[in-house]
């Protein structure tokens, strides 16, 4: 299920990630599913022109 990324969706994803990461006690961020999801959201937001990857 692929949705079009919006600024509002991107902001919500980043806020949720921040909350989850603050709660987390694990130090393996490079292997974290939250990190992977925020990376995917970043790529989608870049493709939609929401953020500039300059």
PDB file of N, CA and C in Angstrom:
ATOM      1  N   UNK A   1       0.844  -1.163   0.000  1.00  0.00           N
ATOM      2  CA  UNK A   1       0.000   0.000   0.000  1.00  0.00           C
ATOM      3  C   UNK A   1       0.898   1.238   0.000  1.00  0.00           C
ATOM      4  N   UNK A   2       0.921   1.900  -1.115  1.00  0.00           N
ATOM      5  CA  UNK A   2       1.769   3.077  -1.257  1.00  0.00           C
ATOM      6  C   UNK A   2       0.898   4.326  -1.307  1.00  0.00           C
ATOM      7  N   UNK A   3       1.205   5.261  -0.433  1.00  0.00           N
ATOM      8  CA  UNK A   3       0.483   6.526  -0.398  1.00  0.00           C
ATOM      9  C   UNK A   3       1.409   7.626  -0.872  1.00  0.00           C
ATOM     10  N   UNK A   4       0.810   8.706  -1.342  1.00  0.00           N
ATOM     11  CA  UNK A   4       1.598   9.869  -1.705  1.00  0.00           C
ATOM     12  C   UNK A   4       2.030  10.577  -0.428  1.00  0.00           C
ATOM     13  N   UNK A   5       3.301  10.883  -0.358  1.00  0.00           N
ATOM     14  CA  UNK A   5       3.845  11.570   0.812  1.00  0.00           C
ATOM     15  C   UNK A   5       3.418  13.033   0.778  1.00  0.00           C
ATOM     16  N   UNK A   6       2.959  13.515   1.912  1.00  0.00           N
ATOM     17  CA  UNK A   6       2.618  14.927   2.066  1.00  0.00           C
ATOM     18  C   UNK A   6       3.489  15.516   3.167  1.00  0.00           C
ATOM     19  N   UNK A   7       3.527  16.827   3.235  1.00  0.00           N
ATOM     20  CA  UNK A   7       4.298  17.481   4.294  1.00  0.00           C
ATOM     21  C   UNK A   7       3.758  17.069   5.656  1.00  0.00           C
ATOM     22  N   UNK A   8       2.428  17.003   5.771  1.00  0.00           N
ATOM     23  CA  UNK A   8       1.806  16.627   7.041  1.00  0.00           C
ATOM     24  C   UNK A   8       2.190  15.192   7.431  1.00  0.00           C
ATOM     25  N   UNK A   9       2.150  14.278   6.481  1.00  0.00           N
ATOM     26  CA  UNK A   9       2.523  12.886   6.766  1.00  0.00           C
ATOM     27  C   UNK A   9       3.990  12.778   7.154  1.00  0.00           C
ATOM     28  N   UNK A  10       4.841  13.483   6.435  1.00  0.00           N
ATOM     29  CA  UNK A  10       6.275  13.452   6.727  1.00  0.00           C
ATOM     30  C   UNK A  10       6.542  13.987   8.130  1.00  0.00           C
ATOM     31  N   UNK A  11       5.896  15.095   8.479  1.00  0.00           N
ATOM     32  CA  UNK A  11       6.064  15.671   9.816  1.00  0.00           C
ATOM     33  C   UNK A  11       5.596  14.707  10.903  1.00  0.00           C
ATOM     34  N   UNK A  12       4.480  14.026  10.667  1.00  0.00           N
ATOM     35  CA  UNK A  12       3.964  13.061  11.640  1.00  0.00           C
ATOM     36  C   UNK A  12       4.921  11.883  11.817  1.00  0.00           C
ATOM     37  N   UNK A  13       5.481  11.410  10.720  1.00  0.00           N
ATOM     38  CA  UNK A  13       6.434  10.299  10.785  1.00  0.00           C
ATOM     39  C   UNK A  13       7.658  10.693  11.596  1.00  0.00           C
ATOM     40  N   UNK A  14       8.182  11.886  11.342  1.00  0.00           N
ATOM     41  CA  UNK A  14       9.362  12.346  12.083  1.00  0.00           C
ATOM     42  C   UNK A  14       9.062  12.535  13.566  1.00  0.00           C
ATOM     43  N   UNK A  15       7.886  13.046  13.890  1.00  0.00           N
ATOM     44  CA  UNK A  15       7.511  13.233  15.298  1.00  0.00           C
ATOM     45  C   UNK A  15       7.363  11.879  15.993  1.00  0.00           C
ATOM     46  N   UNK A  16       6.726  10.918  15.313  1.00  0.00           N
ATOM     47  CA  UNK A  16       6.577   9.580  15.888  1.00  0.00           C
ATOM     48  C   UNK A  16       7.943   8.927  16.096  1.00  0.00           C
ATOM     49  N   UNK A  17       8.833   9.087  15.130  1.00  0.00           N
ATOM     50  CA  UNK A  17      10.176   8.517  15.249  1.00  0.00           C
ATOM     51  C   UNK A  17      10.917   9.129  16.433  1.00  0.00           C
ATOM     52  N   UNK A  18      10.780  10.427  16.605  1.00  0.00           N
ATOM     53  CA  UNK A  18      11.444  11.110  17.721  1.00  0.00           C
ATOM     54  C   UNK A  18      10.967  10.541  19.058  1.00  0.00           C
ATOM     55  N   UNK A  19       9.661  10.363  19.190  1.00  0.00           N
ATOM     56  CA  UNK A  19       9.087   9.824  20.428  1.00  0.00           C
ATOM     57  C   UNK A  19       9.576   8.394  20.665  1.00  0.00           C
ATOM     58  N   UNK A  20       9.534   7.564  19.630  1.00  0.00           N
ATOM     59  CA  UNK A  20       9.985   6.180  19.773  1.00  0.00           C
ATOM     60  C   UNK A  20      11.464   6.106  20.127  1.00  0.00           C
ATOM     61  N   UNK A  21      12.273   6.928  19.489  1.00  0.00           N
ATOM     62  CA  UNK A  21      13.717   6.897  19.756  1.00  0.00           C
ATOM     63  C   UNK A  21      14.047   7.402  21.160  1.00  0.00           C
ATOM     64  N   UNK A  22      13.288   8.362  21.662  1.00  0.00           N
ATOM     65  CA  UNK A  22      13.508   8.844  23.028  1.00  0.00           C
ATOM     66  C   UNK A  22      13.175   7.762  24.051  1.00  0.00           C
ATOM     67  N   UNK A  23      12.213   6.924  23.745  1.00  0.00           N
ATOM     68  CA  UNK A  23      11.795   5.849  24.639  1.00  0.00           C
ATOM     69  C   UNK A  23      12.752   4.653  24.578  1.00  0.00           C
ATOM     70  N   UNK A  24      13.365   4.457  23.427  1.00  0.00           N
ATOM     71  CA  UNK A  24      14.211   3.288  23.176  1.00  0.00           C
ATOM     72  C   UNK A  24      15.469   3.305  24.039  1.00  0.00           C
ATOM     73  N   UNK A  25      15.874   2.130  24.488  1.00  0.00           N
ATOM     74  CA  UNK A  25      17.099   1.989  25.271  1.00  0.00           C
ATOM     75  C   UNK A  25      18.164   1.199  24.512  1.00  0.00           C
ATOM     76  N   UNK A  26      17.877   0.856  23.272  1.00  0.00           N
ATOM     77  CA  UNK A  26      18.806   0.093  22.452  1.00  0.00           C
ATOM     78  C   UNK A  26      19.777   1.056  21.769  1.00  0.00           C
ATOM     79  N   UNK A  27      20.997   0.644  21.559  1.00  0.00           N
ATOM     80  CA  UNK A  27      21.990   1.488  20.895  1.00  0.00           C
ATOM     81  C   UNK A  27      22.362   0.963  19.514  1.00  0.00           C
ATOM     82  N   UNK A  28      21.430   0.321  18.843  1.00  0.00           N
ATOM     83  CA  UNK A  28      21.680  -0.228  17.511  1.00  0.00           C
ATOM     84  C   UNK A  28      20.832   0.501  16.477  1.00  0.00           C
ATOM     85  N   UNK A  29      20.955   1.818  16.443  1.00  0.00           N
ATOM     86  CA  UNK A  29      20.123   2.644  15.563  1.00  0.00           C
ATOM     87  C   UNK A  29      20.246   2.250  14.090  1.00  0.00           C
ATOM     88  N   UNK A  30      21.434   1.842  13.668  1.00  0.00           N
ATOM     89  CA  UNK A  30      21.629   1.487  12.263  1.00  0.00           C
ATOM     90  C   UNK A  30      20.834   0.245  11.868  1.00  0.00           C
ATOM     91  N   UNK A  31      20.400  -0.548  12.839  1.00  0.00           N
ATOM     92  CA  UNK A  31      19.594  -1.737  12.573  1.00  0.00           C
ATOM     93  C   UNK A  31      18.135  -1.566  12.980  1.00  0.00           C
ATOM     94  N   UNK A  32      17.751  -0.382  13.355  1.00  0.00           N
ATOM     95  CA  UNK A  32      16.413  -0.119  13.886  1.00  0.00           C
ATOM     96  C   UNK A  32      15.385   0.034  12.767  1.00  0.00           C
ATOM     97  N   UNK A  33      14.209  -0.540  12.964  1.00  0.00           N
ATOM     98  CA  UNK A  33      13.131  -0.418  11.986  1.00  0.00           C
ATOM     99  C   UNK A  33      12.645   1.026  11.886  1.00  0.00           C
ATOM    100  N   UNK A  34      12.659   1.764  12.980  1.00  0.00           N
ATOM    101  CA  UNK A  34      12.239   3.168  12.954  1.00  0.00           C
ATOM    102  C   UNK A  34      13.178   3.971  12.054  1.00  0.00           C
ATOM    103  N   UNK A  35      14.464   3.722  12.169  1.00  0.00           N
ATOM    104  CA  UNK A  35      15.439   4.405  11.314  1.00  0.00           C
ATOM    105  C   UNK A  35      15.198   4.071   9.851  1.00  0.00           C
ATOM    106  N   UNK A  36      14.932   2.833   9.564  1.00  0.00           N
ATOM    107  CA  UNK A  36      14.666   2.421   8.176  1.00  0.00           C
ATOM    108  C   UNK A  36      13.406   3.085   7.638  1.00  0.00           C
ATOM    109  N   UNK A  37      12.370   3.159   8.460  1.00  0.00           N
ATOM    110  CA  UNK A  37      11.130   3.798   8.024  1.00  0.00           C
ATOM    111  C   UNK A  37      11.307   5.295   7.791  1.00  0.00           C
ATOM    112  N   UNK A  38      12.058   5.959   8.649  1.00  0.00           N
ATOM    113  CA  UNK A  38      12.290   7.393   8.445  1.00  0.00           C
ATOM    114  C   UNK A  38      13.162   7.619   7.210  1.00  0.00           C
ATOM    115  N   UNK A  39      14.092   6.716   6.939  1.00  0.00           N
ATOM    116  CA  UNK A  39      14.885   6.816   5.707  1.00  0.00           C
ATOM    117  C   UNK A  39      13.985   6.685   4.479  1.00  0.00           C
ATOM    118  N   UNK A  40      13.060   5.732   4.514  1.00  0.00           N
ATOM    119  CA  UNK A  40      12.110   5.562   3.410  1.00  0.00           C
ATOM    120  C   UNK A  40      11.231   6.800   3.252  1.00  0.00           C
ATOM    121  N   UNK A  41      10.776   7.350   4.369  1.00  0.00           N
ATOM    122  CA  UNK A  41       9.943   8.552   4.326  1.00  0.00           C
ATOM    123  C   UNK A  41      10.717   9.721   3.731  1.00  0.00           C
ATOM    124  N   UNK A  42      11.993   9.831   4.088  1.00  0.00           N
ATOM    125  CA  UNK A  42      12.847  10.888   3.539  1.00  0.00           C
ATOM    126  C   UNK A  42      12.947  10.763   2.017  1.00  0.00           C
ATOM    127  N   UNK A  43      13.169   9.548   1.536  1.00  0.00           N
ATOM    128  CA  UNK A  43      13.259   9.332   0.093  1.00  0.00           C
ATOM    129  C   UNK A  43      11.945   9.666  -0.601  1.00  0.00           C
ATOM    130  N   UNK A  44      10.826   9.248  -0.012  1.00  0.00           N
ATOM    131  CA  UNK A  44       9.516   9.567  -0.580  1.00  0.00           C
ATOM    132  C   UNK A  44       9.273  11.072  -0.591  1.00  0.00           C
ATOM    133  N   UNK A  45       9.634  11.743   0.492  1.00  0.00           N
ATOM    134  CA  UNK A  45       9.449  13.192   0.574  1.00  0.00           C
ATOM    135  C   UNK A  45      10.322  13.912  -0.451  1.00  0.00           C
ATOM    136  N   UNK A  46      11.511  13.403  -0.684  1.00  0.00           N
ATOM    137  CA  UNK A  46      12.391  13.983  -1.696  1.00  0.00           C
ATOM    138  C   UNK A  46      11.792  13.809  -3.086  1.00  0.00           C
ATOM    139  N   UNK A  47      11.281  12.614  -3.368  1.00  0.00           N
ATOM    140  CA  UNK A  47      10.657  12.342  -4.668  1.00  0.00           C
ATOM    141  C   UNK A  47       9.443  13.227  -4.912  1.00  0.00           C
ATOM    142  N   UNK A  48       8.686  13.520  -3.866  1.00  0.00           N
ATOM    143  CA  UNK A  48       7.485  14.346  -3.985  1.00  0.00           C
ATOM    144  C   UNK A  48       7.805  15.838  -3.979  1.00  0.00           C
ATOM    145  N   UNK A  49       9.073  16.192  -3.770  1.00  0.00           N
ATOM    146  CA  UNK A  49       9.461  17.597  -3.757  1.00  0.00           C
ATOM    147  C   UNK A  49       9.141  18.314  -2.459  1.00  0.00           C
ATOM    148  N   UNK A  50       8.852  17.547  -1.407  1.00  0.00           N
ATOM    149  CA  UNK A  50       8.522  18.129  -0.106  1.00  0.00           C
ATOM    150  C   UNK A  50       9.774  18.694   0.550  1.00  0.00           C
ATOM    151  N   UNK A  51      10.872  17.982   0.386  1.00  0.00           N
ATOM    152  CA  UNK A  51      12.150  18.469   0.903  1.00  0.00           C
ATOM    153  C   UNK A  51      13.150  18.507  -0.244  1.00  0.00           C
ATOM    154  N   UNK A  52      14.082  19.411  -0.146  1.00  0.00           N
ATOM    155  CA  UNK A  52      15.099  19.582  -1.180  1.00  0.00           C
ATOM    156  C   UNK A  52      16.353  18.843  -0.754  1.00  0.00           C
ATOM    157  N   UNK A  53      16.810  17.956  -1.589  1.00  0.00           N
ATOM    158  CA  UNK A  53      17.995  17.159  -1.288  1.00  0.00           C
ATOM    159  C   UNK A  53      19.224  17.764  -1.963  1.00  0.00           C
ATOM    160  N   UNK A  54      19.362  19.075  -1.840  1.00  0.00           N
ATOM    161  CA  UNK A  54      20.479  19.769  -2.515  1.00  0.00           C
ATOM    162  C   UNK A  54      21.733  19.760  -1.717  1.00  0.00           C
TER     163      UNK A  54
END
